[in-house]
């Protein structure tokens, strides 16, 4: 996990809250300082720019995903590994739903090359992880081979992102854990033709 001081973590949390409540356009150093009763100068002592704060949000999210992937035993069948990853991802978002307003709003990052590249890198890491698991499952005969592993990986990633985006846009109105389980079970049928 990236090393942030307690104050930096507080600033990052406040920035996420502002973005979730009012949108990226409202995230300014002035508004951020006001929201946590600091001076603008105090914010700048912890982060040089607003982009550094946004980069901090992304780095924390990246490490949470990596941690989720690393905690899944790799000796299980490929489908079970994917189901466990989906479940852990749902738990991550349920524990901190406002992060979805930042992570799944690519338009926030599209105007900054560095942030855009970081988002793309996170997406690529996730797809590559899915690809490796699916390809390994195909090699072991656990997953169908008539659909390329790359396409199955893209479909899984897209389905997860769509489910989480729907949940956020609905105002978190449905049980994400249950819907994640339905997604996972449905994907098992796609992967294995059950």
C-alpha atoms as a PDB file:
ATOM      1  CA  UNK A   1       0.000   0.000   0.000  1.00  0.00           C
ATOM      2  CA  UNK A   2       1.335   3.466  -0.745  1.00  0.00           C
ATOM      3  CA  UNK A   3       2.686   5.213   2.309  1.00  0.00           C
ATOM      4  CA  UNK A   4       0.572   8.240   3.158  1.00  0.00           C
ATOM      5  CA  UNK A   5       0.618  10.173   6.386  1.00  0.00           C
ATOM      6  CA  UNK A   6      -2.542  10.358   8.440  1.00  0.00           C
ATOM      7  CA  UNK A   7      -3.112  13.923   7.190  1.00  0.00           C
ATOM      8  CA  UNK A   8      -2.581  12.875   3.556  1.00  0.00           C
ATOM      9  CA  UNK A   9      -5.126  10.091   4.021  1.00  0.00           C
ATOM     10  CA  UNK A  10      -7.565  12.625   5.481  1.00  0.00           C
ATOM     11  CA  UNK A  11      -7.039  14.902   2.472  1.00  0.00           C
ATOM     12  CA  UNK A  12      -7.541  12.026   0.034  1.00  0.00           C
ATOM     13  CA  UNK A  13     -10.737  10.936   1.805  1.00  0.00           C
ATOM     14  CA  UNK A  14     -12.062  14.489   1.719  1.00  0.00           C
ATOM     15  CA  UNK A  15     -11.237  14.769  -1.995  1.00  0.00           C
ATOM     16  CA  UNK A  16     -13.119  11.535  -2.716  1.00  0.00           C
ATOM     17  CA  UNK A  17     -16.095  12.879  -0.771  1.00  0.00           C
ATOM     18  CA  UNK A  18     -16.121  16.158  -2.693  1.00  0.00           C
ATOM     19  CA  UNK A  19     -15.953  14.372  -6.045  1.00  0.00           C
ATOM     20  CA  UNK A  20     -18.715  11.966  -5.016  1.00  0.00           C
ATOM     21  CA  UNK A  21     -20.991  14.723  -3.701  1.00  0.00           C
ATOM     22  CA  UNK A  22     -20.397  17.583  -6.120  1.00  0.00           C
ATOM     23  CA  UNK A  23     -18.255  16.353  -9.008  1.00  0.00           C
ATOM     24  CA  UNK A  24     -14.655  16.825 -10.065  1.00  0.00           C
ATOM     25  CA  UNK A  25     -15.197  20.454 -11.051  1.00  0.00           C
ATOM     26  CA  UNK A  26     -15.836  21.314  -7.388  1.00  0.00           C
ATOM     27  CA  UNK A  27     -12.564  19.723  -6.253  1.00  0.00           C
ATOM     28  CA  UNK A  28     -10.276  22.690  -5.733  1.00  0.00           C
ATOM     29  CA  UNK A  29      -7.604  23.171  -3.119  1.00  0.00           C
ATOM     30  CA  UNK A  30      -9.708  25.983  -1.664  1.00  0.00           C
ATOM     31  CA  UNK A  31     -12.833  23.805  -1.337  1.00  0.00           C
ATOM     32  CA  UNK A  32     -10.791  20.876  -0.074  1.00  0.00           C
ATOM     33  CA  UNK A  33      -9.116  22.997   2.604  1.00  0.00           C
ATOM     34  CA  UNK A  34     -12.472  24.393   3.684  1.00  0.00           C
ATOM     35  CA  UNK A  35     -14.040  20.928   3.911  1.00  0.00           C
ATOM     36  CA  UNK A  36     -11.469  19.725   6.443  1.00  0.00           C
ATOM     37  CA  UNK A  37     -10.778  23.027   8.211  1.00  0.00           C
ATOM     38  CA  UNK A  38      -7.242  23.505   6.933  1.00  0.00           C
ATOM     39  CA  UNK A  39      -5.595  26.363   5.133  1.00  0.00           C
ATOM     40  CA  UNK A  40      -4.726  26.009   1.463  1.00  0.00           C
ATOM     41  CA  UNK A  41      -1.078  26.234   2.477  1.00  0.00           C
ATOM     42  CA  UNK A  42      -1.530  23.257   4.781  1.00  0.00           C
ATOM     43  CA  UNK A  43      -2.914  21.218   1.903  1.00  0.00           C
ATOM     44  CA  UNK A  44       0.080  22.189  -0.245  1.00  0.00           C
ATOM     45  CA  UNK A  45       2.459  21.006   2.475  1.00  0.00           C
ATOM     46  CA  UNK A  46       1.053  17.501   1.955  1.00  0.00           C
ATOM     47  CA  UNK A  47       0.364  17.491  -1.801  1.00  0.00           C
ATOM     48  CA  UNK A  48       1.997  19.745  -4.397  1.00  0.00           C
ATOM     49  CA  UNK A  49      -1.039  19.798  -6.696  1.00  0.00           C
ATOM     50  CA  UNK A  50      -4.597  18.587  -7.070  1.00  0.00           C
ATOM     51  CA  UNK A  51      -3.256  16.056  -9.572  1.00  0.00           C
ATOM     52  CA  UNK A  52      -1.067  14.585  -6.832  1.00  0.00           C
ATOM     53  CA  UNK A  53      -4.188  14.061  -4.735  1.00  0.00           C
ATOM     54  CA  UNK A  54      -5.981  12.351  -7.625  1.00  0.00           C
ATOM     55  CA  UNK A  55      -2.903  10.237  -8.245  1.00  0.00           C
ATOM     56  CA  UNK A  56      -2.978   9.265  -4.566  1.00  0.00           C
ATOM     57  CA  UNK A  57      -6.583   8.104  -4.905  1.00  0.00           C
ATOM     58  CA  UNK A  58      -5.633   5.935  -7.873  1.00  0.00           C
ATOM     59  CA  UNK A  59      -2.579   4.466  -6.165  1.00  0.00           C
ATOM     60  CA  UNK A  60      -4.607   3.459  -3.120  1.00  0.00           C
ATOM     61  CA  UNK A  61      -7.229   1.847  -5.346  1.00  0.00           C
ATOM     62  CA  UNK A  62      -4.559   0.009  -7.370  1.00  0.00           C
ATOM     63  CA  UNK A  63      -3.048  -1.442  -4.206  1.00  0.00           C
ATOM     64  CA  UNK A  64      -6.468  -2.549  -2.926  1.00  0.00           C
ATOM     65  CA  UNK A  65      -7.065  -4.429  -6.169  1.00  0.00           C
ATOM     66  CA  UNK A  66      -3.615  -6.027  -6.077  1.00  0.00           C
ATOM     67  CA  UNK A  67      -4.213  -7.037  -2.475  1.00  0.00           C
ATOM     68  CA  UNK A  68      -7.571  -8.569  -3.418  1.00  0.00           C
ATOM     69  CA  UNK A  69      -5.955 -10.593  -6.198  1.00  0.00           C
ATOM     70  CA  UNK A  70      -3.028 -11.701  -4.037  1.00  0.00           C
ATOM     71  CA  UNK A  71      -5.258 -13.081  -1.280  1.00  0.00           C
ATOM     72  CA  UNK A  72      -6.936 -15.621  -3.569  1.00  0.00           C
ATOM     73  CA  UNK A  73      -5.340 -19.090  -3.419  1.00  0.00           C
ATOM     74  CA  UNK A  74      -3.991 -19.951  -6.867  1.00  0.00           C
ATOM     75  CA  UNK A  75      -4.364 -23.714  -6.451  1.00  0.00           C
ATOM     76  CA  UNK A  76      -8.136 -23.614  -6.916  1.00  0.00           C
ATOM     77  CA  UNK A  77      -9.949 -24.153 -10.222  1.00  0.00           C
ATOM     78  CA  UNK A  78      -9.877 -21.097 -12.480  1.00  0.00           C
ATOM     79  CA  UNK A  79     -13.589 -20.385 -12.119  1.00  0.00           C
ATOM     80  CA  UNK A  80     -13.323 -20.446  -8.302  1.00  0.00           C
ATOM     81  CA  UNK A  81     -10.427 -17.979  -8.435  1.00  0.00           C
ATOM     82  CA  UNK A  82     -12.448 -15.618 -10.652  1.00  0.00           C
ATOM     83  CA  UNK A  83     -15.522 -15.945  -8.409  1.00  0.00           C
ATOM     84  CA  UNK A  84     -13.411 -15.128  -5.350  1.00  0.00           C
ATOM     85  CA  UNK A  85     -11.947 -12.071  -7.089  1.00  0.00           C
ATOM     86  CA  UNK A  86     -15.419 -10.834  -8.054  1.00  0.00           C
ATOM     87  CA  UNK A  87     -16.628 -11.331  -4.484  1.00  0.00           C
ATOM     88  CA  UNK A  88     -13.656  -9.481  -2.995  1.00  0.00           C
ATOM     89  CA  UNK A  89     -14.087  -6.615  -5.465  1.00  0.00           C
ATOM     90  CA  UNK A  90     -17.735  -6.265  -4.506  1.00  0.00           C
ATOM     91  CA  UNK A  91     -16.711  -6.226  -0.823  1.00  0.00           C
ATOM     92  CA  UNK A  92     -14.174  -3.471  -1.554  1.00  0.00           C
ATOM     93  CA  UNK A  93     -16.820  -1.247  -3.144  1.00  0.00           C
ATOM     94  CA  UNK A  94     -19.472  -2.038  -0.535  1.00  0.00           C
ATOM     95  CA  UNK A  95     -17.029  -0.994   2.198  1.00  0.00           C
ATOM     96  CA  UNK A  96     -16.309   2.311   0.436  1.00  0.00           C
ATOM     97  CA  UNK A  97     -19.044   3.059  -2.122  1.00  0.00           C
ATOM     98  CA  UNK A  98     -18.055   6.668  -2.756  1.00  0.00           C
ATOM     99  CA  UNK A  99     -14.795   5.517  -4.352  1.00  0.00           C
ATOM    100  CA  UNK A 100     -16.877   4.358  -7.334  1.00  0.00           C
ATOM    101  CA  UNK A 101     -17.620   7.990  -8.166  1.00  0.00           C
ATOM    102  CA  UNK A 102     -13.922   8.495  -8.749  1.00  0.00           C
ATOM    103  CA  UNK A 103     -12.659   5.193 -10.100  1.00  0.00           C
ATOM    104  CA  UNK A 104     -15.393   4.587 -12.658  1.00  0.00           C
ATOM    105  CA  UNK A 105     -15.519   8.144 -13.947  1.00  0.00           C
ATOM    106  CA  UNK A 106     -12.799   8.072 -16.546  1.00  0.00           C
ATOM    107  CA  UNK A 107     -13.753  11.557 -17.722  1.00  0.00           C
ATOM    108  CA  UNK A 108     -12.162  12.850 -14.515  1.00  0.00           C
ATOM    109  CA  UNK A 109      -8.783  11.670 -15.746  1.00  0.00           C
ATOM    110  CA  UNK A 110      -9.011  12.060 -19.514  1.00  0.00           C
ATOM    111  CA  UNK A 111      -7.618  15.600 -19.597  1.00  0.00           C
ATOM    112  CA  UNK A 112      -4.418  14.705 -17.785  1.00  0.00           C
ATOM    113  CA  UNK A 113      -2.000  12.379 -19.545  1.00  0.00           C
ATOM    114  CA  UNK A 114      -0.405  11.009 -16.365  1.00  0.00           C
ATOM    115  CA  UNK A 115      -3.710  10.228 -14.670  1.00  0.00           C
ATOM    116  CA  UNK A 116      -5.150   8.797 -17.877  1.00  0.00           C
ATOM    117  CA  UNK A 117      -2.141   6.517 -18.229  1.00  0.00           C
ATOM    118  CA  UNK A 118      -2.517   5.399 -14.606  1.00  0.00           C
ATOM    119  CA  UNK A 119      -6.188   4.511 -15.108  1.00  0.00           C
ATOM    120  CA  UNK A 120      -5.313   2.662 -18.306  1.00  0.00           C
ATOM    121  CA  UNK A 121      -2.528   0.813 -16.493  1.00  0.00           C
ATOM    122  CA  UNK A 122      -4.887  -0.277 -13.693  1.00  0.00           C
ATOM    123  CA  UNK A 123      -7.424  -1.516 -16.240  1.00  0.00           C
ATOM    124  CA  UNK A 124      -4.691  -3.358 -18.152  1.00  0.00           C
ATOM    125  CA  UNK A 125      -3.402  -5.033 -14.985  1.00  0.00           C
ATOM    126  CA  UNK A 126      -6.902  -6.250 -14.154  1.00  0.00           C
ATOM    127  CA  UNK A 127      -7.549  -7.581 -17.641  1.00  0.00           C
ATOM    128  CA  UNK A 128      -4.129  -9.267 -17.688  1.00  0.00           C
ATOM    129  CA  UNK A 129      -4.854 -10.934 -14.349  1.00  0.00           C
ATOM    130  CA  UNK A 130      -8.193 -12.221 -15.661  1.00  0.00           C
ATOM    131  CA  UNK A 131      -6.485 -13.329 -18.876  1.00  0.00           C
ATOM    132  CA  UNK A 132      -3.822 -15.328 -17.020  1.00  0.00           C
ATOM    133  CA  UNK A 133      -6.411 -17.061 -14.837  1.00  0.00           C
ATOM    134  CA  UNK A 134      -8.685 -17.835 -17.790  1.00  0.00           C
ATOM    135  CA  UNK A 135      -5.818 -19.001 -20.017  1.00  0.00           C
ATOM    136  CA  UNK A 136      -4.530 -21.239 -17.245  1.00  0.00           C
ATOM    137  CA  UNK A 137      -8.058 -22.638 -16.839  1.00  0.00           C
ATOM    138  CA  UNK A 138      -8.269 -23.261 -20.571  1.00  0.00           C
ATOM    139  CA  UNK A 139      -4.926 -25.063 -20.525  1.00  0.00           C
ATOM    140  CA  UNK A 140      -6.214 -27.304 -17.712  1.00  0.00           C
ATOM    141  CA  UNK A 141      -9.523 -27.976 -19.471  1.00  0.00           C
ATOM    142  CA  UNK A 142     -11.539 -26.103 -16.835  1.00  0.00           C
ATOM    143  CA  UNK A 143     -12.679 -23.319 -19.170  1.00  0.00           C
ATOM    144  CA  UNK A 144     -13.967 -23.500 -22.712  1.00  0.00           C
ATOM    145  CA  UNK A 145     -11.390 -22.900 -25.422  1.00  0.00           C
ATOM    146  CA  UNK A 146     -13.636 -21.932 -28.331  1.00  0.00           C
ATOM    147  CA  UNK A 147     -13.641 -18.292 -27.158  1.00  0.00           C
ATOM    148  CA  UNK A 148     -10.218 -16.617 -26.835  1.00  0.00           C
ATOM    149  CA  UNK A 149      -9.070 -15.940 -23.276  1.00  0.00           C
ATOM    150  CA  UNK A 150      -8.545 -12.293 -24.166  1.00  0.00           C
ATOM    151  CA  UNK A 151     -12.211 -11.878 -25.157  1.00  0.00           C
ATOM    152  CA  UNK A 152     -13.463 -13.690 -22.061  1.00  0.00           C
ATOM    153  CA  UNK A 153     -11.259 -11.388 -19.959  1.00  0.00           C
ATOM    154  CA  UNK A 154     -12.673  -8.289 -21.645  1.00  0.00           C
ATOM    155  CA  UNK A 155     -16.237  -9.535 -21.181  1.00  0.00           C
ATOM    156  CA  UNK A 156     -15.669 -10.228 -17.478  1.00  0.00           C
ATOM    157  CA  UNK A 157     -14.012  -6.861 -16.875  1.00  0.00           C
ATOM    158  CA  UNK A 158     -16.779  -5.047 -18.750  1.00  0.00           C
ATOM    159  CA  UNK A 159     -19.511  -6.875 -16.851  1.00  0.00           C
ATOM    160  CA  UNK A 160     -17.957  -6.028 -13.482  1.00  0.00           C
ATOM    161  CA  UNK A 161     -17.522  -2.357 -14.401  1.00  0.00           C
ATOM    162  CA  UNK A 162     -21.079  -2.123 -15.722  1.00  0.00           C
ATOM    163  CA  UNK A 163     -22.528  -3.714 -12.577  1.00  0.00           C
ATOM    164  CA  UNK A 164     -20.630  -1.350 -10.286  1.00  0.00           C
ATOM    165  CA  UNK A 165     -21.514   1.680 -12.416  1.00  0.00           C
ATOM    166  CA  UNK A 166     -25.218   0.713 -12.367  1.00  0.00           C
ATOM    167  CA  UNK A 167     -25.019   0.343  -8.592  1.00  0.00           C
ATOM    168  CA  UNK A 168     -23.471   3.799  -8.212  1.00  0.00           C
ATOM    169  CA  UNK A 169     -25.898   5.491 -10.609  1.00  0.00           C
ATOM    170  CA  UNK A 170     -28.862   3.869  -8.834  1.00  0.00           C
ATOM    171  CA  UNK A 171     -27.749   5.548  -5.623  1.00  0.00           C
ATOM    172  CA  UNK A 172     -26.490   2.186  -4.309  1.00  0.00           C
ATOM    173  CA  UNK A 173     -30.096   0.977  -4.397  1.00  0.00           C
ATOM    174  CA  UNK A 174     -29.491  -2.744  -4.824  1.00  0.00           C
ATOM    175  CA  UNK A 175     -27.476  -5.415  -3.054  1.00  0.00           C
ATOM    176  CA  UNK A 176     -24.142  -5.374  -4.876  1.00  0.00           C
ATOM    177  CA  UNK A 177     -22.932  -8.547  -3.171  1.00  0.00           C
ATOM    178  CA  UNK A 178     -25.988 -10.516  -4.358  1.00  0.00           C
ATOM    179  CA  UNK A 179     -25.765  -9.086  -7.871  1.00  0.00           C
ATOM    180  CA  UNK A 180     -22.046  -9.855  -7.922  1.00  0.00           C
ATOM    181  CA  UNK A 181     -22.843 -13.475  -7.035  1.00  0.00           C
ATOM    182  CA  UNK A 182     -25.406 -13.661  -9.848  1.00  0.00           C
ATOM    183  CA  UNK A 183     -22.810 -12.230 -12.236  1.00  0.00           C
ATOM    184  CA  UNK A 184     -20.255 -14.727 -11.017  1.00  0.00           C
ATOM    185  CA  UNK A 185     -22.643 -17.682 -11.393  1.00  0.00           C
ATOM    186  CA  UNK A 186     -23.674 -16.502 -14.860  1.00  0.00           C
ATOM    187  CA  UNK A 187     -20.077 -16.164 -15.908  1.00  0.00           C
ATOM    188  CA  UNK A 188     -19.382 -19.697 -14.753  1.00  0.00           C
ATOM    189  CA  UNK A 189     -22.004 -20.869 -17.255  1.00  0.00           C
ATOM    190  CA  UNK A 190     -20.382 -18.825 -19.998  1.00  0.00           C
ATOM    191  CA  UNK A 191     -16.889 -20.024 -19.132  1.00  0.00           C
ATOM    192  CA  UNK A 192     -17.757 -23.690 -18.727  1.00  0.00           C
ATOM    193  CA  UNK A 193     -20.912 -24.031 -20.848  1.00  0.00           C
ATOM    194  CA  UNK A 194     -22.797 -25.485 -17.859  1.00  0.00           C
END
